Amino acid sequence: MFKGLGNIASLLKNAQNIGGKMSEVAETLKRQQVIGSAGGQMVKVTANGLSQVISVEIDPLIKQNNDWDMLQDLLPAAINDAMGKAKQLHLEAMKEVTGGFEMPGLDEAMKKFNLSDD
């Protein structure tokens, strides 16, 4: 009847340890950068592991040709590419913190440690 209590106690202990590491992980993710691109790298978007866009580079050829339609197509694609890579960094960091154990609500808790400069 009480066989599962050991697992619950272990889970609670791990949750406490994870809570202590969240701020550290958020700071690490804030420093890590990924680059998303589109159009053969005609548009590049740099983001951090917290999915915050840091910079956007646009090939001078697009500017010269005033090809705003192309830019409007490539920019969302490059942003989505960067966000996918940032999400992967985030998932890898969470796996390290949890030892591969998935905890419901951990992603929401991590968002509370978003260290943006807003």
PDB file of N, CA and C in Angstrom:
ATOM      1  N   MET A   1       0.811  -1.191   0.000  1.00  0.00           N
ATOM      2  CA  MET A   1       0.000   0.000   0.000  1.00  0.00           C
ATOM      3  C   MET A   1       0.862   1.266   0.000  1.00  0.00           C
ATOM      4  N   PHE A   2       2.011   1.250   0.682  1.00  0.00           N
ATOM      5  CA  PHE A   2       2.851   2.435   0.800  1.00  0.00           C
ATOM      6  C   PHE A   2       4.098   2.373  -0.084  1.00  0.00           C
ATOM      7  N   LYS A   3       4.092   1.445  -1.037  1.00  0.00           N
ATOM      8  CA  LYS A   3       5.261   1.281  -1.897  1.00  0.00           C
ATOM      9  C   LYS A   3       5.574   2.540  -2.685  1.00  0.00           C
ATOM     10  N   GLY A   4       4.565   3.271  -3.121  1.00  0.00           N
ATOM     11  CA  GLY A   4       4.767   4.461  -3.940  1.00  0.00           C
ATOM     12  C   GLY A   4       5.237   5.677  -3.170  1.00  0.00           C
ATOM     13  N   LEU A   5       5.181   5.628  -1.843  1.00  0.00           N
ATOM     14  CA  LEU A   5       5.575   6.796  -1.047  1.00  0.00           C
ATOM     15  C   LEU A   5       7.052   7.133  -1.202  1.00  0.00           C
ATOM     16  N   GLY A   6       7.883   6.132  -1.357  1.00  0.00           N
ATOM     17  CA  GLY A   6       9.312   6.384  -1.573  1.00  0.00           C
ATOM     18  C   GLY A   6       9.544   7.136  -2.858  1.00  0.00           C
ATOM     19  N   ASN A   7       8.815   6.772  -3.901  1.00  0.00           N
ATOM     20  CA  ASN A   7       8.935   7.468  -5.179  1.00  0.00           C
ATOM     21  C   ASN A   7       8.447   8.908  -5.066  1.00  0.00           C
ATOM     22  N   ILE A   8       7.365   9.116  -4.326  1.00  0.00           N
ATOM     23  CA  ILE A   8       6.832  10.469  -4.142  1.00  0.00           C
ATOM     24  C   ILE A   8       7.830  11.322  -3.372  1.00  0.00           C
ATOM     25  N   ALA A   9       8.421  10.767  -2.325  1.00  0.00           N
ATOM     26  CA  ALA A   9       9.407  11.505  -1.534  1.00  0.00           C
ATOM     27  C   ALA A   9      10.609  11.872  -2.407  1.00  0.00           C
ATOM     28  N   SER A  10      11.042  10.942  -3.228  1.00  0.00           N
ATOM     29  CA  SER A  10      12.156  11.202  -4.137  1.00  0.00           C
ATOM     30  C   SER A  10      11.790  12.297  -5.132  1.00  0.00           C
ATOM     31  N   LEU A  11      10.576  12.230  -5.638  1.00  0.00           N
ATOM     32  CA  LEU A  11      10.106  13.244  -6.587  1.00  0.00           C
ATOM     33  C   LEU A  11      10.072  14.619  -5.944  1.00  0.00           C
ATOM     34  N   LEU A  12       9.585  14.707  -4.706  1.00  0.00           N
ATOM     35  CA  LEU A  12       9.534  15.994  -4.008  1.00  0.00           C
ATOM     36  C   LEU A  12      10.931  16.538  -3.737  1.00  0.00           C
ATOM     37  N   LYS A  13      11.853  15.654  -3.367  1.00  0.00           N
ATOM     38  CA  LYS A  13      13.231  16.089  -3.133  1.00  0.00           C
ATOM     39  C   LYS A  13      13.836  16.633  -4.428  1.00  0.00           C
ATOM     40  N   ASN A  14      13.606  15.914  -5.533  1.00  0.00           N
ATOM     41  CA  ASN A  14      14.105  16.374  -6.831  1.00  0.00           C
ATOM     42  C   ASN A  14      13.489  17.709  -7.211  1.00  0.00           C
ATOM     43  N   ALA A  15      12.215  17.900  -6.916  1.00  0.00           N
ATOM     44  CA  ALA A  15      11.547  19.164  -7.229  1.00  0.00           C
ATOM     45  C   ALA A  15      12.201  20.319  -6.480  1.00  0.00           C
ATOM     46  N   GLN A  16      12.571  20.092  -5.229  1.00  0.00           N
ATOM     47  CA  GLN A  16      13.246  21.136  -4.453  1.00  0.00           C
ATOM     48  C   GLN A  16      14.607  21.465  -5.062  1.00  0.00           C
ATOM     49  N   ASN A  17      15.337  20.436  -5.453  1.00  0.00           N
ATOM     50  CA  ASN A  17      16.648  20.650  -6.075  1.00  0.00           C
ATOM     51  C   ASN A  17      16.509  21.393  -7.392  1.00  0.00           C
ATOM     52  N   ILE A  18      15.496  21.016  -8.163  1.00  0.00           N
ATOM     53  CA  ILE A  18      15.261  21.655  -9.457  1.00  0.00           C
ATOM     54  C   ILE A  18      14.932  23.125  -9.266  1.00  0.00           C
ATOM     55  N   GLY A  19      14.100  23.422  -8.279  1.00  0.00           N
ATOM     56  CA  GLY A  19      13.733  24.811  -8.012  1.00  0.00           C
ATOM     57  C   GLY A  19      14.955  25.671  -7.747  1.00  0.00           C
ATOM     58  N   GLY A  20      15.935  25.121  -7.068  1.00  0.00           N
ATOM     59  CA  GLY A  20      17.161  25.863  -6.773  1.00  0.00           C
ATOM     60  C   GLY A  20      18.022  26.104  -7.994  1.00  0.00           C
ATOM     61  N   LYS A  21      17.883  25.253  -9.002  1.00  0.00           N
ATOM     62  CA  LYS A  21      18.705  25.375 -10.204  1.00  0.00           C
ATOM     63  C   LYS A  21      18.055  26.242 -11.289  1.00  0.00           C
ATOM     64  N   MET A  22      16.769  26.552 -11.147  1.00  0.00           N
ATOM     65  CA  MET A  22      16.032  27.238 -12.208  1.00  0.00           C
ATOM     66  C   MET A  22      16.642  28.596 -12.577  1.00  0.00           C
ATOM     67  N   SER A  23      16.985  29.376 -11.592  1.00  0.00           N
ATOM     68  CA  SER A  23      17.550  30.690 -11.857  1.00  0.00           C
ATOM     69  C   SER A  23      18.878  30.577 -12.599  1.00  0.00           C
ATOM     70  N   GLU A  24      19.680  29.617 -12.200  1.00  0.00           N
ATOM     71  CA  GLU A  24      20.976  29.375 -12.852  1.00  0.00           C
ATOM     72  C   GLU A  24      20.774  28.968 -14.317  1.00  0.00           C
ATOM     73  N   VAL A  25      19.814  28.089 -14.551  1.00  0.00           N
ATOM     74  CA  VAL A  25      19.526  27.635 -15.910  1.00  0.00           C
ATOM     75  C   VAL A  25      19.022  28.800 -16.763  1.00  0.00           C
ATOM     76  N   ALA A  26      18.142  29.613 -16.198  1.00  0.00           N
ATOM     77  CA  ALA A  26      17.616  30.768 -16.940  1.00  0.00           C
ATOM     78  C   ALA A  26      18.736  31.716 -17.341  1.00  0.00           C
ATOM     79  N   GLU A  27      19.665  31.941 -16.442  1.00  0.00           N
ATOM     80  CA  GLU A  27      20.795  32.833 -16.749  1.00  0.00           C
ATOM     81  C   GLU A  27      21.670  32.236 -17.848  1.00  0.00           C
ATOM     82  N   THR A  28      21.895  30.939 -17.798  1.00  0.00           N
ATOM     83  CA  THR A  28      22.674  30.268 -18.840  1.00  0.00           C
ATOM     84  C   THR A  28      21.973  30.369 -20.183  1.00  0.00           C
ATOM     85  N   LEU A  29      20.668  30.099 -20.199  1.00  0.00           N
ATOM     86  CA  LEU A  29      19.909  30.184 -21.450  1.00  0.00           C
ATOM     87  C   LEU A  29      19.909  31.601 -22.013  1.00  0.00           C
ATOM     88  N   LYS A  30      19.903  32.574 -21.135  1.00  0.00           N
ATOM     89  CA  LYS A  30      19.919  33.970 -21.590  1.00  0.00           C
ATOM     90  C   LYS A  30      21.225  34.288 -22.319  1.00  0.00           C
ATOM     91  N   ARG A  31      22.317  33.658 -21.905  1.00  0.00           N
ATOM     92  CA  ARG A  31      23.625  33.916 -22.526  1.00  0.00           C
ATOM     93  C   ARG A  31      23.845  33.105 -23.803  1.00  0.00           C
ATOM     94  N   GLN A  32      23.171  31.970 -23.939  1.00  0.00           N
ATOM     95  CA  GLN A  32      23.356  31.137 -25.128  1.00  0.00           C
ATOM     96  C   GLN A  32      22.633  31.760 -26.320  1.00  0.00           C
ATOM     97  N   GLN A  33      23.225  31.606 -27.490  1.00  0.00           N
ATOM     98  CA  GLN A  33      22.627  32.180 -28.689  1.00  0.00           C
ATOM     99  C   GLN A  33      22.485  31.143 -29.792  1.00  0.00           C
ATOM    100  N   VAL A  34      21.432  31.311 -30.575  1.00  0.00           N
ATOM    101  CA  VAL A  34      21.189  30.485 -31.752  1.00  0.00           C
ATOM    102  C   VAL A  34      20.918  31.424 -32.922  1.00  0.00           C
ATOM    103  N   ILE A  35      21.147  30.925 -34.142  1.00  0.00           N
ATOM    104  CA  ILE A  35      20.882  31.723 -35.338  1.00  0.00           C
ATOM    105  C   ILE A  35      19.916  30.957 -36.221  1.00  0.00           C
ATOM    106  N   GLY A  36      18.813  31.606 -36.538  1.00  0.00           N
ATOM    107  CA  GLY A  36      17.858  31.065 -37.489  1.00  0.00           C
ATOM    108  C   GLY A  36      18.027  31.809 -38.796  1.00  0.00           C
ATOM    109  N   SER A  37      17.787  31.127 -39.905  1.00  0.00           N
ATOM    110  CA  SER A  37      17.967  31.795 -41.190  1.00  0.00           C
ATOM    111  C   SER A  37      16.923  31.327 -42.184  1.00  0.00           C
ATOM    112  N   ALA A  38      16.821  32.093 -43.266  1.00  0.00           N
ATOM    113  CA  ALA A  38      15.901  31.759 -44.355  1.00  0.00           C
ATOM    114  C   ALA A  38      16.449  32.346 -45.641  1.00  0.00           C
ATOM    115  N   GLY A  39      16.009  31.779 -46.762  1.00  0.00           N
ATOM    116  CA  GLY A  39      16.427  32.297 -48.062  1.00  0.00           C
ATOM    117  C   GLY A  39      17.911  32.141 -48.302  1.00  0.00           C
ATOM    118  N   GLY A  40      18.465  30.997 -47.947  1.00  0.00           N
ATOM    119  CA  GLY A  40      19.904  30.813 -48.142  1.00  0.00           C
ATOM    120  C   GLY A  40      20.712  31.792 -47.317  1.00  0.00           C
ATOM    121  N   GLN A  41      20.240  32.064 -46.116  1.00  0.00           N
ATOM    122  CA  GLN A  41      20.869  32.975 -45.162  1.00  0.00           C
ATOM    123  C   GLN A  41      20.781  34.444 -45.588  1.00  0.00           C
ATOM    124  N   MET A  42      19.809  34.754 -46.430  1.00  0.00           N
ATOM    125  CA  MET A  42      19.605  36.159 -46.787  1.00  0.00           C
ATOM    126  C   MET A  42      19.041  36.943 -45.609  1.00  0.00           C
ATOM    127  N   VAL A  43      18.335  36.235 -44.729  1.00  0.00           N
ATOM    128  CA  VAL A  43      17.844  36.833 -43.487  1.00  0.00           C
ATOM    129  C   VAL A  43      18.288  35.934 -42.347  1.00  0.00           C
ATOM    130  N   LYS A  44      18.940  36.533 -41.347  1.00  0.00           N
ATOM    131  CA  LYS A  44      19.410  35.800 -40.173  1.00  0.00           C
ATOM    132  C   LYS A  44      18.841  36.462 -38.922  1.00  0.00           C
ATOM    133  N   VAL A  45      18.368  35.634 -38.016  1.00  0.00           N
ATOM    134  CA  VAL A  45      17.830  36.117 -36.744  1.00  0.00           C
ATOM    135  C   VAL A  45      18.597  35.432 -35.625  1.00  0.00           C
ATOM    136  N   THR A  46      19.147  36.229 -34.731  1.00  0.00           N
ATOM    137  CA  THR A  46      19.856  35.698 -33.564  1.00  0.00           C
ATOM    138  C   THR A  46      18.927  35.826 -32.365  1.00  0.00           C
ATOM    139  N   ALA A  47      18.814  34.730 -31.615  1.00  0.00           N
ATOM    140  CA  ALA A  47      17.975  34.707 -30.412  1.00  0.00           C
ATOM    141  C   ALA A  47      18.751  34.015 -29.297  1.00  0.00           C
ATOM    142  N   ASN A  48      18.278  34.199 -28.073  1.00  0.00           N
ATOM    143  CA  ASN A  48      18.908  33.485 -26.962  1.00  0.00           C
ATOM    144  C   ASN A  48      18.066  32.279 -26.579  1.00  0.00           C
ATOM    145  N   GLY A  49      18.522  31.531 -25.596  1.00  0.00           N
ATOM    146  CA  GLY A  49      17.834  30.324 -25.171  1.00  0.00           C
ATOM    147  C   GLY A  49      16.504  30.571 -24.483  1.00  0.00           C
ATOM    148  N   LEU A  50      16.205  31.835 -24.191  1.00  0.00           N
ATOM    149  CA  LEU A  50      14.911  32.202 -23.619  1.00  0.00           C
ATOM    150  C   LEU A  50      13.944  32.665 -24.704  1.00  0.00           C
ATOM    151  N   SER A  51      14.320  32.428 -25.961  1.00  0.00           N
ATOM    152  CA  SER A  51      13.497  32.795 -27.128  1.00  0.00           C
ATOM    153  C   SER A  51      13.301  34.302 -27.268  1.00  0.00           C
ATOM    154  N   GLN A  52      14.305  35.058 -26.890  1.00  0.00           N
ATOM    155  CA  GLN A  52      14.278  36.502 -27.077  1.00  0.00           C
ATOM    156  C   GLN A  52      15.125  36.832 -28.308  1.00  0.00           C
ATOM    157  N   VAL A  53      14.544  37.549 -29.266  1.00  0.00           N
ATOM    158  CA  VAL A  53      15.287  37.941 -30.460  1.00  0.00           C
ATOM    159  C   VAL A  53      16.301  39.006 -30.062  1.00  0.00           C
ATOM    160  N   ILE A  54      17.543  38.782 -30.466  1.00  0.00           N
ATOM    161  CA  ILE A  54      18.635  39.690 -30.123  1.00  0.00           C
ATOM    162  C   ILE A  54      18.972  40.600 -31.297  1.00  0.00           C
ATOM    163  N   SER A  55      19.007  40.019 -32.498  1.00  0.00           N
ATOM    164  CA  SER A  55      19.334  40.834 -33.667  1.00  0.00           C
ATOM    165  C   SER A  55      18.779  40.201 -34.937  1.00  0.00           C
ATOM    166  N   VAL A  56      18.694  41.034 -35.977  1.00  0.00           N
ATOM    167  CA  VAL A  56      18.237  40.600 -37.290  1.00  0.00           C
ATOM    168  C   VAL A  56      19.220  41.140 -38.323  1.00  0.00           C
ATOM    169  N   GLU A  57      19.677  40.257 -39.209  1.00  0.00           N
ATOM    170  CA  GLU A  57      20.554  40.673 -40.311  1.00  0.00           C
ATOM    171  C   GLU A  57      19.824  40.438 -41.628  1.00  0.00           C
ATOM    172  N   ILE A  58      19.866  41.449 -42.497  1.00  0.00           N
ATOM    173  CA  ILE A  58      19.216  41.345 -43.801  1.00  0.00           C
ATOM    174  C   ILE A  58      20.274  41.559 -44.873  1.00  0.00           C
ATOM    175  N   ASP A  59      20.331  40.638 -45.815  1.00  0.00           N
ATOM    176  CA  ASP A  59      21.301  40.720 -46.908  1.00  0.00           C
ATOM    177  C   ASP A  59      21.122  42.050 -47.644  1.00  0.00           C
ATOM    178  N   PRO A  60      22.224  42.751 -47.925  1.00  0.00           N
ATOM    179  CA  PRO A  60      22.142  44.035 -48.625  1.00  0.00           C
ATOM    180  C   PRO A  60      21.429  43.944 -49.987  1.00  0.00           C
ATOM    181  N   LEU A  61      21.465  42.774 -50.608  1.00  0.00           N
ATOM    182  CA  LEU A  61      20.802  42.599 -51.896  1.00  0.00           C
ATOM    183  C   LEU A  61      19.297  42.833 -51.783  1.00  0.00           C
ATOM    184  N   ILE A  62      18.711  42.384 -50.694  1.00  0.00           N
ATOM    185  CA  ILE A  62      17.275  42.618 -50.483  1.00  0.00           C
ATOM    186  C   ILE A  62      17.018  44.111 -50.343  1.00  0.00           C
ATOM    187  N   LYS A  63      17.886  44.778 -49.620  1.00  0.00           N
ATOM    188  CA  LYS A  63      17.740  46.221 -49.440  1.00  0.00           C
ATOM    189  C   LYS A  63      17.906  46.947 -50.778  1.00  0.00           C
ATOM    190  N   GLN A  64      18.932  46.588 -51.545  1.00  0.00           N
ATOM    191  CA  GLN A  64      19.197  47.237 -52.835  1.00  0.00           C
ATOM    192  C   GLN A  64      18.018  47.102 -53.786  1.00  0.00           C
ATOM    193  N   ASN A  65      17.446  45.927 -53.825  1.00  0.00           N
ATOM    194  CA  ASN A  65      16.344  45.661 -54.747  1.00  0.00           C
ATOM    195  C   ASN A  65      14.988  46.098 -54.212  1.00  0.00           C
ATOM    196  N   ASN A  66      14.989  46.643 -53.000  1.00  0.00           N
ATOM    197  CA  ASN A  66      13.718  47.017 -52.363  1.00  0.00           C
ATOM    198  C   ASN A  66      12.705  45.887 -52.452  1.00  0.00           C
ATOM    199  N   ASP A  67      13.153  44.684 -52.208  1.00  0.00           N
ATOM    200  CA  ASP A  67      12.298  43.499 -52.332  1.00  0.00           C
ATOM    201  C   ASP A  67      11.599  43.224 -50.998  1.00  0.00           C
ATOM    202  N   TRP A  68      10.640  44.068 -50.692  1.00  0.00           N
ATOM    203  CA  TRP A  68       9.934  43.985 -49.416  1.00  0.00           C
ATOM    204  C   TRP A  68       9.058  42.730 -49.335  1.00  0.00           C
ATOM    205  N   ASP A  69       8.532  42.291 -50.476  1.00  0.00           N
ATOM    206  CA  ASP A  69       7.728  41.063 -50.461  1.00  0.00           C
ATOM    207  C   ASP A  69       8.576  39.870 -50.033  1.00  0.00           C
ATOM    208  N   MET A  70       9.787  39.806 -50.568  1.00  0.00           N
ATOM    209  CA  MET A  70      10.687  38.717 -50.181  1.00  0.00           C
ATOM    210  C   MET A  70      11.016  38.816 -48.698  1.00  0.00           C
ATOM    211  N   LEU A  71      11.314  40.011 -48.242  1.00  0.00           N
ATOM    212  CA  LEU A  71      11.654  40.205 -46.838  1.00  0.00           C
ATOM    213  C   LEU A  71      10.495  39.785 -45.936  1.00  0.00           C
ATOM    214  N   GLN A  72       9.277  40.123 -46.340  1.00  0.00           N
ATOM    215  CA  GLN A  72       8.106  39.752 -45.547  1.00  0.00           C
ATOM    216  C   GLN A  72       7.912  38.243 -45.493  1.00  0.00           C
ATOM    217  N   ASP A  73       8.375  37.531 -46.500  1.00  0.00           N
ATOM    218  CA  ASP A  73       8.304  36.069 -46.493  1.00  0.00           C
ATOM    219  C   ASP A  73       9.448  35.455 -45.674  1.00  0.00           C
ATOM    220  N   LEU A  74      10.646  36.009 -45.834  1.00  0.00           N
ATOM    221  CA  LEU A  74      11.823  35.417 -45.208  1.00  0.00           C
ATOM    222  C   LEU A  74      11.936  35.714 -43.716  1.00  0.00           C
ATOM    223  N   LEU A  75      11.505  36.878 -43.301  1.00  0.00           N
ATOM    224  CA  LEU A  75      11.666  37.261 -41.899  1.00  0.00           C
ATOM    225  C   LEU A  75      10.916  36.318 -40.950  1.00  0.00           C
ATOM    226  N   PRO A  76       9.627  36.035 -41.167  1.00  0.00           N
ATOM    227  CA  PRO A  76       8.963  35.082 -40.264  1.00  0.00           C
ATOM    228  C   PRO A  76       9.610  33.689 -40.295  1.00  0.00           C
ATOM    229  N   ALA A  77      10.063  33.266 -41.465  1.00  0.00           N
ATOM    230  CA  ALA A  77      10.700  31.946 -41.568  1.00  0.00           C
ATOM    231  C   ALA A  77      11.989  31.909 -40.742  1.00  0.00           C
ATOM    232  N   ALA A  78      12.776  32.978 -40.814  1.00  0.00           N
ATOM    233  CA  ALA A  78      14.031  33.035 -40.046  1.00  0.00           C
ATOM    234  C   ALA A  78      13.745  33.109 -38.544  1.00  0.00           C
ATOM    235  N   ILE A  79      12.733  33.868 -38.172  1.00  0.00           N
ATOM    236  CA  ILE A  79      12.354  33.958 -36.750  1.00  0.00           C
ATOM    237  C   ILE A  79      11.900  32.589 -36.244  1.00  0.00           C
ATOM    238  N   ASN A  80      11.065  31.921 -37.013  1.00  0.00           N
ATOM    239  CA  ASN A  80      10.587  30.597 -36.607  1.00  0.00           C
ATOM    240  C   ASN A  80      11.733  29.597 -36.490  1.00  0.00           C
ATOM    241  N   ASP A  81      12.703  29.694 -37.390  1.00  0.00           N
ATOM    242  CA  ASP A  81      13.875  28.826 -37.325  1.00  0.00           C
ATOM    243  C   ASP A  81      14.644  29.080 -36.031  1.00  0.00           C
ATOM    244  N   ALA A  82      14.861  30.355 -35.707  1.00  0.00           N
ATOM    245  CA  ALA A  82      15.580  30.703 -34.473  1.00  0.00           C
ATOM    246  C   ALA A  82      14.805  30.248 -33.244  1.00  0.00           C
ATOM    247  N   MET A  83      13.481  30.432 -33.244  1.00  0.00           N
ATOM    248  CA  MET A  83      12.675  30.038 -32.091  1.00  0.00           C
ATOM    249  C   MET A  83      12.700  28.521 -31.894  1.00  0.00           C
ATOM    250  N   GLY A  84      12.709  27.775 -32.982  1.00  0.00           N
ATOM    251  CA  GLY A  84      12.803  26.316 -32.875  1.00  0.00           C
ATOM    252  C   GLY A  84      14.124  25.891 -32.256  1.00  0.00           C
ATOM    253  N   LYS A  85      15.200  26.538 -32.668  1.00  0.00           N
ATOM    254  CA  LYS A  85      16.517  26.226 -32.104  1.00  0.00           C
ATOM    255  C   LYS A  85      16.610  26.641 -30.635  1.00  0.00           C
ATOM    256  N   ALA A  86      16.012  27.787 -30.297  1.00  0.00           N
ATOM    257  CA  ALA A  86      16.003  28.242 -28.907  1.00  0.00           C
ATOM    258  C   ALA A  86      15.205  27.273 -28.040  1.00  0.00           C
ATOM    259  N   LYS A  87      14.087  26.796 -28.564  1.00  0.00           N
ATOM    260  CA  LYS A  87      13.269  25.840 -27.823  1.00  0.00           C
ATOM    261  C   LYS A  87      14.055  24.553 -27.576  1.00  0.00           C
ATOM    262  N   GLN A  88      14.839  24.139 -28.550  1.00  0.00           N
ATOM    263  CA  GLN A  88      15.655  22.937 -28.384  1.00  0.00           C
ATOM    264  C   GLN A  88      16.685  23.141 -27.272  1.00  0.00           C
ATOM    265  N   LEU A  89      17.331  24.322 -27.232  1.00  0.00           N
ATOM    266  CA  LEU A  89      18.268  24.623 -26.140  1.00  0.00           C
ATOM    267  C   LEU A  89      17.558  24.522 -24.791  1.00  0.00           C
ATOM    268  N   HIS A  90      16.362  25.097 -24.744  1.00  0.00           N
ATOM    269  CA  HIS A  90      15.570  25.102 -23.523  1.00  0.00           C
ATOM    270  C   HIS A  90      15.241  23.677 -23.086  1.00  0.00           C
ATOM    271  N   LEU A  91      14.811  22.847 -24.031  1.00  0.00           N
ATOM    272  CA  LEU A  91      14.472  21.461 -23.712  1.00  0.00           C
ATOM    273  C   LEU A  91      15.686  20.685 -23.213  1.00  0.00           C
ATOM    274  N   GLU A  92      16.830  20.903 -23.835  1.00  0.00           N
ATOM    275  CA  GLU A  92      18.057  20.224 -23.410  1.00  0.00           C
ATOM    276  C   GLU A  92      18.462  20.657 -21.998  1.00  0.00           C
ATOM    277  N   ALA A  93      18.310  21.950 -21.713  1.00  0.00           N
ATOM    278  CA  ALA A  93      18.634  22.444 -20.371  1.00  0.00           C
ATOM    279  C   ALA A  93      17.705  21.826 -19.337  1.00  0.00           C
ATOM    280  N   MET A  94      16.433  21.700 -19.673  1.00  0.00           N
ATOM    281  CA  MET A  94      15.469  21.115 -18.735  1.00  0.00           C
ATOM    282  C   MET A  94      15.750  19.635 -18.506  1.00  0.00           C
ATOM    283  N   LYS A  95      16.183  18.929 -19.545  1.00  0.00           N
ATOM    284  CA  LYS A  95      16.526  17.519 -19.382  1.00  0.00           C
ATOM    285  C   LYS A  95      17.712  17.359 -18.434  1.00  0.00           C
ATOM    286  N   GLU A  96      18.673  18.270 -18.531  1.00  0.00           N
ATOM    287  CA  GLU A  96      19.831  18.221 -17.628  1.00  0.00           C
ATOM    288  C   GLU A  96      19.396  18.453 -16.191  1.00  0.00           C
ATOM    289  N   VAL A  97      18.529  19.439 -15.990  1.00  0.00           N
ATOM    290  CA  VAL A  97      18.087  19.780 -14.637  1.00  0.00           C
ATOM    291  C   VAL A  97      17.282  18.641 -14.026  1.00  0.00           C
ATOM    292  N   THR A  98      16.421  18.033 -14.827  1.00  0.00           N
ATOM    293  CA  THR A  98      15.521  16.999 -14.300  1.00  0.00           C
ATOM    294  C   THR A  98      16.091  15.597 -14.440  1.00  0.00           C
ATOM    295  N   GLY A  99      17.256  15.475 -15.036  1.00  0.00           N
ATOM    296  CA  GLY A  99      17.831  14.152 -15.260  1.00  0.00           C
ATOM    297  C   GLY A  99      17.009  13.340 -16.243  1.00  0.00           C
ATOM    298  N   GLY A 100      16.325  14.028 -17.155  1.00  0.00           N
ATOM    299  CA  GLY A 100      15.503  13.358 -18.157  1.00  0.00           C
ATOM    300  C   GLY A 100      14.082  13.101 -17.707  1.00  0.00           C
ATOM    301  N   PHE A 101      13.789  13.373 -16.445  1.00  0.00           N
ATOM    302  CA  PHE A 101      12.446  13.167 -15.915  1.00  0.00           C
ATOM    303  C   PHE A 101      11.580  14.358 -16.278  1.00  0.00           C
ATOM    304  N   GLU A 102      10.437  14.101 -16.886  1.00  0.00           N
ATOM    305  CA  GLU A 102       9.540  15.190 -17.271  1.00  0.00           C
ATOM    306  C   GLU A 102       8.603  15.511 -16.126  1.00  0.00           C
ATOM    307  N   MET A 103       8.606  16.775 -15.729  1.00  0.00           N
ATOM    308  CA  MET A 103       7.740  17.212 -14.639  1.00  0.00           C
ATOM    309  C   MET A 103       6.673  18.141 -15.193  1.00  0.00           C
ATOM    310  N   PRO A 104       5.412  17.818 -15.010  1.00  0.00           N
ATOM    311  CA  PRO A 104       4.336  18.690 -15.478  1.00  0.00           C
ATOM    312  C   PRO A 104       4.461  20.067 -14.836  1.00  0.00           C
ATOM    313  N   GLY A 105       4.319  21.100 -15.642  1.00  0.00           N
ATOM    314  CA  GLY A 105       4.367  22.465 -15.134  1.00  0.00           C
ATOM    315  C   GLY A 105       5.760  23.055 -15.046  1.00  0.00           C
ATOM    316  N   LEU A 106       6.800  22.271 -15.326  1.00  0.00           N
ATOM    317  CA  LEU A 106       8.165  22.781 -15.216  1.00  0.00           C
ATOM    318  C   LEU A 106       8.423  23.898 -16.208  1.00  0.00           C
ATOM    319  N   ASP A 107       7.884  23.754 -17.410  1.00  0.00           N
ATOM    320  CA  ASP A 107       8.070  24.782 -18.425  1.00  0.00           C
ATOM    321  C   ASP A 107       7.472  26.114 -17.978  1.00  0.00           C
ATOM    322  N   GLU A 108       6.289  26.064 -17.374  1.00  0.00           N
ATOM    323  CA  GLU A 108       5.643  27.288 -16.872  1.00  0.00           C
ATOM    324  C   GLU A 108       6.460  27.885 -15.729  1.00  0.00           C
ATOM    325  N   ALA A 109       6.975  27.045 -14.863  1.00  0.00           N
ATOM    326  CA  ALA A 109       7.797  27.537 -13.761  1.00  0.00           C
ATOM    327  C   ALA A 109       9.051  28.218 -14.285  1.00  0.00           C
ATOM    328  N   MET A 110       9.633  27.655 -15.346  1.00  0.00           N
ATOM    329  CA  MET A 110      10.849  28.226 -15.928  1.00  0.00           C
ATOM    330  C   MET A 110      10.584  29.621 -16.468  1.00  0.00           C
ATOM    331  N   LYS A 111       9.399  29.843 -17.018  1.00  0.00           N
ATOM    332  CA  LYS A 111       9.067  31.155 -17.566  1.00  0.00           C
ATOM    333  C   LYS A 111       9.077  32.236 -16.492  1.00  0.00           C
ATOM    334  N   LYS A 112       8.834  31.866 -15.253  1.00  0.00           N
ATOM    335  CA  LYS A 112       8.856  32.835 -14.155  1.00  0.00           C
ATOM    336  C   LYS A 112      10.265  33.336 -13.884  1.00  0.00           C
ATOM    337  N   PHE A 113      11.262  32.587 -14.340  1.00  0.00           N
ATOM    338  CA  PHE A 113      12.649  32.987 -14.136  1.00  0.00           C
ATOM    339  C   PHE A 113      13.207  33.691 -15.363  1.00  0.00           C
ATOM    340  N   ASN A 114      12.341  34.095 -16.280  1.00  0.00           N
ATOM    341  CA  ASN A 114      12.755  34.830 -17.468  1.00  0.00           C
ATOM    342  C   ASN A 114      13.489  36.086 -17.009  1.00  0.00           C
ATOM    343  N   LEU A 115      14.734  36.194 -17.360  1.00  0.00           N
ATOM    344  CA  LEU A 115      15.573  37.290 -16.892  1.00  0.00           C
ATOM    345  C   LEU A 115      15.679  38.424 -17.905  1.00  0.00           C
ATOM    346  N   SER A 116      14.579  38.739 -18.557  1.00  0.00           N
ATOM    347  CA  SER A 116      14.628  39.802 -19.561  1.00  0.00           C
ATOM    348  C   SER A 116      14.882  41.140 -18.897  1.00  0.00           C
ATOM    349  N   ASP A 117      15.386  42.049 -19.689  1.00  0.00           N
ATOM    350  CA  ASP A 117      15.708  43.385 -19.188  1.00  0.00           C
ATOM    351  C   ASP A 117      14.537  44.338 -19.307  1.00  0.00           C
ATOM    352  N   ASP A 118      13.322  43.815 -19.476  1.00  0.00           N
ATOM    353  CA  ASP A 118      12.135  44.649 -19.655  1.00  0.00           C
ATOM    354  C   ASP A 118      11.884  45.529 -18.458  1.00  0.00           C
TER     355      ASP A 118
END
